[in-house]
């Protein structure tokens, strides 16, 4: 069996959308957990990169819907 990846394979946008929605949910859970467990001064430095990733994924979701 040849393990090479076929470049003509197309990924169904529905699967990509579901994967991105799952990722957003995981990030939102992580953000909520950080907000519950950390002191106020530490929260924003930990949440900012996660929130940025959520924003980028939401942009990608918007492009998939178009």
C-alpha atoms as a PDB file:
ATOM      1  CA  UNK A   1       0.000   0.000   0.000  1.00  0.00           C
ATOM      2  CA  UNK A   2       1.299   3.428  -0.942  1.00  0.00           C
ATOM      3  CA  UNK A   3       1.307   5.871   1.985  1.00  0.00           C
ATOM      4  CA  UNK A   4       1.636   8.953  -0.244  1.00  0.00           C
ATOM      5  CA  UNK A   5      -1.057  11.579   0.171  1.00  0.00           C
ATOM      6  CA  UNK A   6      -3.156  12.194  -2.912  1.00  0.00           C
ATOM      7  CA  UNK A   7      -3.126  15.978  -3.592  1.00  0.00           C
ATOM      8  CA  UNK A   8      -6.481  15.730  -5.396  1.00  0.00           C
ATOM      9  CA  UNK A   9      -8.369  14.681  -2.263  1.00  0.00           C
ATOM     10  CA  UNK A  10     -10.927  17.302  -1.322  1.00  0.00           C
ATOM     11  CA  UNK A  11     -11.982  17.794   2.298  1.00  0.00           C
ATOM     12  CA  UNK A  12     -15.680  18.281   2.804  1.00  0.00           C
ATOM     13  CA  UNK A  13     -16.247  21.828   4.167  1.00  0.00           C
ATOM     14  CA  UNK A  14     -18.798  20.421   6.613  1.00  0.00           C
ATOM     15  CA  UNK A  15     -16.078  18.343   8.295  1.00  0.00           C
ATOM     16  CA  UNK A  16     -13.779  21.361   8.450  1.00  0.00           C
ATOM     17  CA  UNK A  17     -16.577  23.424   9.985  1.00  0.00           C
ATOM     18  CA  UNK A  18     -17.289  20.799  12.652  1.00  0.00           C
ATOM     19  CA  UNK A  19     -13.580  20.506  13.497  1.00  0.00           C
ATOM     20  CA  UNK A  20     -13.294  24.275  13.866  1.00  0.00           C
ATOM     21  CA  UNK A  21     -16.408  24.448  16.044  1.00  0.00           C
ATOM     22  CA  UNK A  22     -14.981  21.750  18.297  1.00  0.00           C
ATOM     23  CA  UNK A  23     -11.727  23.697  18.562  1.00  0.00           C
ATOM     24  CA  UNK A  24     -13.594  26.901  19.466  1.00  0.00           C
ATOM     25  CA  UNK A  25     -15.501  25.009  22.168  1.00  0.00           C
ATOM     26  CA  UNK A  26     -12.277  23.643  23.650  1.00  0.00           C
ATOM     27  CA  UNK A  27     -10.711  27.093  23.685  1.00  0.00           C
ATOM     28  CA  UNK A  28     -13.787  28.645  25.296  1.00  0.00           C
ATOM     29  CA  UNK A  29     -13.734  25.960  28.003  1.00  0.00           C
ATOM     30  CA  UNK A  30     -10.045  26.670  28.620  1.00  0.00           C
ATOM     31  CA  UNK A  31     -10.728  30.404  28.869  1.00  0.00           C
ATOM     32  CA  UNK A  32     -13.581  29.828  31.329  1.00  0.00           C
ATOM     33  CA  UNK A  33     -11.394  27.515  33.401  1.00  0.00           C
ATOM     34  CA  UNK A  34      -8.591  30.082  33.539  1.00  0.00           C
ATOM     35  CA  UNK A  35     -11.024  32.797  34.624  1.00  0.00           C
ATOM     36  CA  UNK A  36     -12.349  30.588  37.431  1.00  0.00           C
ATOM     37  CA  UNK A  37      -8.978  29.438  38.751  1.00  0.00           C
ATOM     38  CA  UNK A  38      -6.537  32.336  38.354  1.00  0.00           C
ATOM     39  CA  UNK A  39      -6.235  35.643  40.154  1.00  0.00           C
ATOM     40  CA  UNK A  40      -7.323  38.719  38.240  1.00  0.00           C
ATOM     41  CA  UNK A  41      -3.801  39.922  37.397  1.00  0.00           C
ATOM     42  CA  UNK A  42      -2.852  36.665  35.679  1.00  0.00           C
ATOM     43  CA  UNK A  43      -6.023  36.102  33.689  1.00  0.00           C
ATOM     44  CA  UNK A  44      -5.572  38.470  30.757  1.00  0.00           C
ATOM     45  CA  UNK A  45      -2.022  37.377  29.951  1.00  0.00           C
ATOM     46  CA  UNK A  46      -3.222  33.763  29.789  1.00  0.00           C
ATOM     47  CA  UNK A  47      -6.535  34.415  28.059  1.00  0.00           C
ATOM     48  CA  UNK A  48      -5.305  36.844  25.366  1.00  0.00           C
ATOM     49  CA  UNK A  49      -3.591  34.242  23.121  1.00  0.00           C
ATOM     50  CA  UNK A  50      -6.559  31.890  23.438  1.00  0.00           C
ATOM     51  CA  UNK A  51      -9.039  34.647  22.623  1.00  0.00           C
ATOM     52  CA  UNK A  52      -6.932  35.613  19.611  1.00  0.00           C
ATOM     53  CA  UNK A  53      -7.063  32.027  18.374  1.00  0.00           C
ATOM     54  CA  UNK A  54     -10.845  31.951  18.837  1.00  0.00           C
ATOM     55  CA  UNK A  55     -11.107  35.125  16.728  1.00  0.00           C
ATOM     56  CA  UNK A  56      -8.972  33.618  13.945  1.00  0.00           C
ATOM     57  CA  UNK A  57     -11.035  30.432  13.934  1.00  0.00           C
ATOM     58  CA  UNK A  58     -14.270  32.443  13.818  1.00  0.00           C
ATOM     59  CA  UNK A  59     -12.893  34.292  10.779  1.00  0.00           C
ATOM     60  CA  UNK A  60     -12.140  30.948   9.133  1.00  0.00           C
ATOM     61  CA  UNK A  61     -15.665  29.758   9.925  1.00  0.00           C
ATOM     62  CA  UNK A  62     -17.030  32.881   8.272  1.00  0.00           C
ATOM     63  CA  UNK A  63     -15.043  32.140   5.139  1.00  0.00           C
ATOM     64  CA  UNK A  64     -16.302  28.537   5.070  1.00  0.00           C
ATOM     65  CA  UNK A  65     -19.899  29.720   5.202  1.00  0.00           C
ATOM     66  CA  UNK A  66     -19.415  32.045   2.239  1.00  0.00           C
END
